[in-house]
Amino acid sequence: MFRFIRFENMHRVEFLFASDLEAELHPDEDPDLGVHSGEVLREMIREARCEGHYSHLSHPLFALFNGDVDTRFERKYRSLWEQLEDACPCYYVLGNHEGGYFEDGDKWREYFGYEETYYAWEYSSPEASITFIVLDTWCTKEEDGRLRINEGSGNQVLRVEEKEWLKEMLDRAPGLVVIFAHAHSWPPNCRSQDNEAIDELIDIVKGTYEEGVIHKHANVFFNGGHHDHPDCNKVDGVYFVDPIGAIHKGYARVIIDPIDGKMDYIGRFNEKSYLGLDLTGYSKNQ
């Protein structure tokens, strides 16, 4: 699925970003941490509506939820999600937890009205453009065509057709590229990835997957799946952003200037902030 949206002027693109809006802690997490997904949702509603101390801000163009949004499917939180989805467009990434709510990946995409479990859209104006790409790193295609949703770190997968689609999307994108994936990935050059599929994904994101050939890389890669590992590193021209996780009380407002190529990642609650990021810095691939 690809959508093209044109603006007469596009000086700043602002959106809300959160991951791991889970309904309960993992068994190995400290109970004292508590579950803060409901509190995060209520604050995101206020910000999307520009209420209270957000009244001076512009309405976000959308909110992006980067996988494991268990609360989206729990009756207890239904009213909050309805209010948020009424306040601004919401986009969803498939995470491994979604396998506990849907029989397979096709049921998930049908629920949200998506043509595939991965998709993209582009904002464009006469001065600049920005492409947003949402990936699926959890569905394995069975022999009968069914998309089985894998569970747990180490079981990530990137289907052949999705890999080729991603490479094509990157190479043809005219401007900045932002990627979202519930990949359970670690910043490159920091530690080993969970499996070869994520290693290959990172190489595609960096444009380094074909030796001796120059491919376009993404500018930002937003990860999901980790709790309490907030981080932001620039590697080979790509900013890899790892959020704290909404269950541990954090989300962000992201502001991108597609003309100047700057980004502010403004953390709310416990989320870290990263300001003045230069998305146009030199890379060996460009």
Protein backbone atom coordinates (compact mmCIF):
# COMPACT_ATOMS: atom_id res chain seq x y z
CA MET A 1 0.00 0.00 0.00
CA PHE A 2 1.34 3.43 -0.94
CA ARG A 3 -0.39 6.77 -0.49
CA PHE A 4 0.73 10.07 -1.98
CA ILE A 5 -0.32 13.28 -0.20
CA ARG A 6 0.57 16.67 -1.65
CA PHE A 7 0.89 19.97 0.25
CA GLU A 8 1.25 23.47 -1.12
CA ASN A 9 3.69 24.20 1.71
CA MET A 10 5.39 21.70 3.99
CA HIS A 11 7.83 23.44 6.30
CA ARG A 12 7.41 21.02 9.22
CA VAL A 13 5.94 17.57 9.64
CA GLU A 14 4.86 16.88 13.22
CA PHE A 15 3.57 13.59 14.59
CA LEU A 16 3.26 11.62 17.83
CA PHE A 17 5.23 8.40 18.27
CA ALA A 18 4.85 5.59 20.79
CA SER A 19 5.67 1.91 21.03
CA ASP A 20 4.78 -1.00 23.30
CA LEU A 21 1.47 0.22 24.73
CA GLU A 22 1.09 -3.06 26.57
CA ALA A 23 -1.55 -3.98 29.13
CA GLU A 24 0.71 -5.82 31.59
CA LEU A 25 4.36 -6.12 32.50
CA HIS A 26 6.54 -8.96 31.29
CA PRO A 27 7.11 -11.68 33.92
CA ASP A 28 10.76 -10.64 34.34
CA GLU A 29 10.01 -6.93 34.86
CA ASP A 30 9.98 -5.22 38.25
CA PRO A 31 6.33 -4.87 39.41
CA ASP A 32 7.22 -1.51 40.93
CA LEU A 33 7.61 -0.11 37.41
CA GLY A 34 3.85 -0.25 36.95
CA VAL A 35 1.84 -0.16 33.73
CA HIS A 36 1.52 3.37 32.33
CA SER A 37 -0.05 2.79 28.89
CA GLY A 38 -3.39 4.31 29.95
CA GLU A 39 -1.70 7.44 31.29
CA VAL A 40 0.27 7.78 28.07
CA LEU A 41 -2.88 7.42 25.97
CA ARG A 42 -4.69 10.12 27.96
CA GLU A 43 -1.76 12.51 27.51
CA MET A 44 -1.54 11.77 23.79
CA ILE A 45 -5.25 12.59 23.47
CA ARG A 46 -4.67 15.96 25.15
CA GLU A 47 -1.73 16.69 22.85
CA ALA A 48 -3.57 15.58 19.72
CA ARG A 49 -6.44 17.90 20.68
CA CYS A 50 -4.03 20.73 21.55
CA GLU A 51 -5.52 21.03 25.01
CA GLY A 52 -3.99 22.63 28.12
CA HIS A 53 -0.26 23.29 27.85
CA TYR A 54 -0.35 21.93 24.27
CA SER A 55 -2.71 24.70 23.11
CA HIS A 56 0.13 26.66 21.49
CA LEU A 57 1.20 23.70 19.34
CA SER A 58 -0.12 22.68 15.95
CA HIS A 59 -2.23 19.57 15.57
CA PRO A 60 -0.05 16.53 14.79
CA LEU A 61 -0.53 15.17 11.29
CA PHE A 62 -0.78 11.64 12.68
CA ALA A 63 0.16 9.30 15.52
CA LEU A 64 2.30 6.24 14.87
CA PHE A 65 2.20 3.18 17.13
CA ASN A 66 5.24 0.99 16.65
CA GLY A 67 3.92 -2.46 17.57
CA ASP A 68 2.82 -4.37 20.68
CA VAL A 69 -0.20 -2.10 21.12
CA ASP A 70 -2.02 -4.65 23.30
CA THR A 71 -4.25 -1.97 24.83
CA ARG A 72 -5.72 -1.23 21.38
CA PHE A 73 -7.48 -4.60 21.58
CA GLU A 74 -8.43 -4.60 25.29
CA ARG A 75 -11.96 -3.54 26.28
CA LYS A 76 -10.63 -1.58 29.29
CA TYR A 77 -8.89 0.92 27.00
CA ARG A 78 -11.43 1.06 24.16
CA SER A 79 -12.77 4.53 24.98
CA LEU A 80 -9.28 6.05 25.09
CA TRP A 81 -8.38 4.65 21.69
CA GLU A 82 -11.64 5.86 20.20
CA GLN A 83 -10.93 9.36 21.48
CA LEU A 84 -7.38 9.35 20.12
CA GLU A 85 -8.36 7.99 16.72
CA ASP A 86 -11.04 10.68 16.55
CA ALA A 87 -8.46 13.37 17.36
CA CYS A 88 -5.92 12.46 14.66
CA PRO A 89 -5.13 9.77 12.05
CA CYS A 90 -3.41 6.75 13.60
CA TYR A 91 -1.03 4.32 11.90
CA TYR A 92 -0.10 0.92 13.30
CA VAL A 93 2.92 -1.39 13.06
CA LEU A 94 2.55 -5.12 13.54
CA GLY A 95 4.45 -6.43 16.58
CA ASN A 96 4.91 -9.90 17.98
CA HIS A 97 2.27 -9.34 20.69
CA GLU A 98 -0.38 -8.87 18.01
CA GLY A 99 -0.18 -12.63 17.49
CA GLY A 100 -2.03 -13.00 20.80
CA TYR A 101 -5.02 -11.08 19.41
CA PHE A 102 -5.16 -12.13 15.76
CA GLU A 103 -5.17 -15.53 14.11
CA ASP A 104 -2.67 -14.37 11.51
CA GLY A 105 -1.18 -11.32 9.81
CA ASP A 106 -3.99 -11.11 7.27
CA LYS A 107 -6.58 -10.80 10.04
CA TRP A 108 -4.50 -7.97 11.53
CA ARG A 109 -4.22 -6.02 8.26
CA GLU A 110 -7.92 -6.55 7.50
CA TYR A 111 -8.80 -5.21 10.96
CA PHE A 112 -7.05 -1.93 10.17
CA GLY A 113 -7.98 -1.88 6.48
CA TYR A 114 -4.44 -2.28 5.16
CA GLU A 115 -3.66 -3.97 1.85
CA GLU A 116 -0.52 -5.57 3.29
CA THR A 117 1.19 -5.96 6.66
CA TYR A 118 3.75 -3.39 5.47
CA TYR A 119 2.97 -0.10 3.75
CA ALA A 120 4.17 3.43 3.01
CA TRP A 121 3.01 6.95 2.29
CA GLU A 122 4.66 10.10 1.01
CA TYR A 123 4.15 13.76 1.86
CA SER A 124 5.24 16.04 -0.95
CA SER A 125 5.36 19.75 -1.73
CA PRO A 126 7.11 21.80 -4.43
CA GLU A 127 10.06 22.26 -2.05
CA ALA A 128 10.55 18.83 -0.45
CA SER A 129 9.20 15.37 0.22
CA ILE A 130 9.31 12.79 2.99
CA THR A 131 8.46 9.09 2.71
CA PHE A 132 7.24 7.08 5.71
CA ILE A 133 7.68 3.30 5.59
CA VAL A 134 6.07 0.80 7.98
CA LEU A 135 7.61 -2.69 8.09
CA ASP A 136 6.42 -6.10 9.24
CA THR A 137 9.22 -8.08 10.89
CA TRP A 138 7.11 -10.88 12.38
CA CYS A 139 5.01 -12.64 9.72
CA THR A 140 6.20 -15.85 8.11
CA LYS A 141 4.32 -16.93 4.98
CA GLU A 142 3.26 -20.56 5.24
CA GLU A 143 2.92 -22.91 2.26
CA ASP A 144 -0.83 -22.25 2.18
CA GLY A 145 -0.20 -18.48 2.05
CA ARG A 146 -1.19 -17.85 5.65
CA LEU A 147 0.86 -15.18 7.44
CA ARG A 148 1.84 -16.70 10.78
CA ILE A 149 2.77 -14.09 13.41
CA ASN A 150 5.93 -15.22 15.18
CA GLU A 151 6.45 -14.66 18.90
CA GLY A 152 9.54 -13.62 20.84
CA SER A 153 12.97 -12.13 20.12
CA GLY A 154 15.03 -14.21 17.74
CA ASN A 155 12.02 -15.08 15.58
CA GLN A 156 11.95 -11.90 13.52
CA VAL A 157 11.68 -12.38 9.77
CA LEU A 158 11.66 -10.24 6.64
CA ARG A 159 9.83 -11.88 3.75
CA VAL A 160 11.50 -11.88 0.32
CA GLU A 161 8.80 -9.77 -1.30
CA GLU A 162 8.98 -7.24 1.53
CA LYS A 163 12.77 -6.97 1.25
CA GLU A 164 12.58 -6.26 -2.47
CA TRP A 165 9.77 -3.75 -1.91
CA LEU A 166 11.81 -1.95 0.76
CA LYS A 167 14.90 -1.75 -1.47
CA GLU A 168 12.79 -0.30 -4.28
CA MET A 169 11.07 2.18 -1.98
CA LEU A 170 14.39 3.45 -0.68
CA ASP A 171 16.07 3.78 -4.06
CA ARG A 172 13.16 5.69 -5.61
CA ALA A 173 12.30 7.94 -2.64
CA PRO A 174 12.91 11.54 -3.76
CA GLY A 175 13.56 13.03 -0.32
CA LEU A 176 13.89 12.06 3.33
CA VAL A 177 12.92 8.51 4.36
CA VAL A 178 11.65 7.50 7.82
CA ILE A 179 11.18 3.81 8.68
CA PHE A 180 9.17 2.27 11.52
CA ALA A 181 9.56 -1.36 12.61
CA HIS A 182 8.89 -3.37 15.74
CA ALA A 183 12.20 -5.07 15.07
CA HIS A 184 13.68 -5.68 18.53
CA SER A 185 16.85 -4.36 16.91
CA TRP A 186 19.90 -2.88 18.59
CA PRO A 187 21.86 0.15 17.35
CA PRO A 188 24.39 -1.06 14.76
CA ASN A 189 27.96 -1.38 16.02
CA CYS A 190 26.55 -1.58 19.59
CA ARG A 191 25.85 -5.29 20.03
CA SER A 192 24.84 -8.31 17.97
CA GLN A 193 21.33 -8.44 16.54
CA ASP A 194 18.87 -11.19 17.48
CA ASN A 195 19.14 -13.01 14.16
CA GLU A 196 20.31 -12.78 10.54
CA ALA A 197 17.00 -11.30 9.38
CA ILE A 198 17.61 -8.16 11.44
CA ASP A 199 21.24 -7.98 10.30
CA GLU A 200 19.99 -8.03 6.71
CA LEU A 201 17.31 -5.43 7.49
CA ILE A 202 19.89 -3.07 8.98
CA ASP A 203 22.08 -3.43 5.88
CA ILE A 204 19.11 -2.51 3.66
CA VAL A 205 18.24 0.45 5.88
CA LYS A 206 21.86 1.65 5.61
CA GLY A 207 22.02 0.95 1.87
CA THR A 208 25.05 -1.30 2.36
CA TYR A 209 23.51 -4.61 1.26
CA GLU A 210 25.24 -4.83 -2.13
CA GLU A 211 29.01 -4.50 -2.18
CA GLY A 212 30.31 -2.01 -4.71
CA VAL A 213 26.86 -0.58 -5.46
CA ILE A 214 25.57 2.71 -4.06
CA HIS A 215 22.01 2.49 -2.73
CA LYS A 216 20.00 5.14 -0.96
CA HIS A 217 19.72 4.72 2.80
CA ALA A 218 16.98 5.77 5.17
CA ASN A 219 17.42 8.89 7.29
CA VAL A 220 15.70 7.65 10.46
CA PHE A 221 14.84 4.16 11.73
CA PHE A 222 12.39 3.99 14.64
CA ASN A 223 12.61 0.70 16.53
CA GLY A 224 10.13 -0.95 18.89
CA GLY A 225 10.12 -3.89 21.26
CA HIS A 226 12.63 -2.88 23.92
CA HIS A 227 11.62 -1.59 27.34
CA ASP A 228 13.87 0.84 29.18
CA HIS A 229 16.61 0.99 26.53
CA PRO A 230 16.13 4.53 25.19
CA ASP A 231 18.83 5.37 22.69
CA CYS A 232 19.65 7.37 19.57
CA ASN A 233 22.71 6.66 17.43
CA LYS A 234 23.72 7.77 13.94
CA VAL A 235 25.40 5.02 11.92
CA ASP A 236 26.27 5.31 8.21
CA GLY A 237 23.97 8.30 7.82
CA VAL A 238 20.97 6.74 9.59
CA TYR A 239 19.61 7.74 13.01
CA PHE A 240 18.52 4.63 14.90
CA VAL A 241 16.00 5.63 17.58
CA ASP A 242 14.95 3.23 20.33
CA PRO A 243 12.10 4.47 22.58
CA ILE A 244 11.65 3.66 26.26
CA GLY A 245 8.26 2.04 25.64
CA ALA A 246 4.90 3.53 26.52
CA ILE A 247 4.22 0.86 29.16
CA HIS A 248 7.10 2.45 31.08
CA LYS A 249 5.60 5.92 30.64
CA GLY A 250 7.04 7.48 27.54
CA TYR A 251 6.17 8.77 24.08
CA ALA A 252 7.45 11.53 21.82
CA ARG A 253 6.47 14.38 19.57
CA VAL A 254 8.59 14.24 16.43
CA ILE A 255 9.16 17.36 14.34
CA ILE A 256 10.87 17.03 10.96
CA ASP A 257 11.78 19.91 8.67
CA PRO A 258 12.03 18.21 5.26
CA ILE A 259 13.53 21.30 3.66
CA ASP A 260 16.41 21.86 6.09
CA GLY A 261 16.66 18.18 6.97
CA LYS A 262 16.44 18.66 10.75
CA MET A 263 14.57 16.59 13.34
CA ASP A 264 13.57 17.13 16.96
CA TYR A 265 12.52 14.11 18.99
CA ILE A 266 10.81 15.62 22.02
CA GLY A 267 10.28 13.09 24.78
CA ARG A 268 7.21 13.16 27.03
CA PHE A 269 7.20 11.77 30.59
CA ASN A 270 10.20 9.40 30.87
CA GLU A 271 11.10 9.45 27.19
CA LYS A 272 14.45 11.02 26.28
CA SER A 273 14.71 13.98 23.91
CA TYR A 274 17.08 14.31 20.96
CA LEU A 275 17.08 17.77 19.43
CA GLY A 276 18.57 19.33 16.32
CA LEU A 277 19.38 16.05 14.59
CA ASP A 278 20.88 16.61 11.14
CA LEU A 279 19.25 14.15 8.74
CA THR A 280 21.31 15.37 5.77
CA GLY A 281 24.79 14.66 7.14
CA TYR A 282 27.44 13.06 4.96
CA SER A 283 27.19 9.34 4.36
CA LYS A 284 29.53 7.09 2.40
CA ASN A 285 26.48 5.87 0.47
CA GLN A 286 25.54 9.22 -1.04
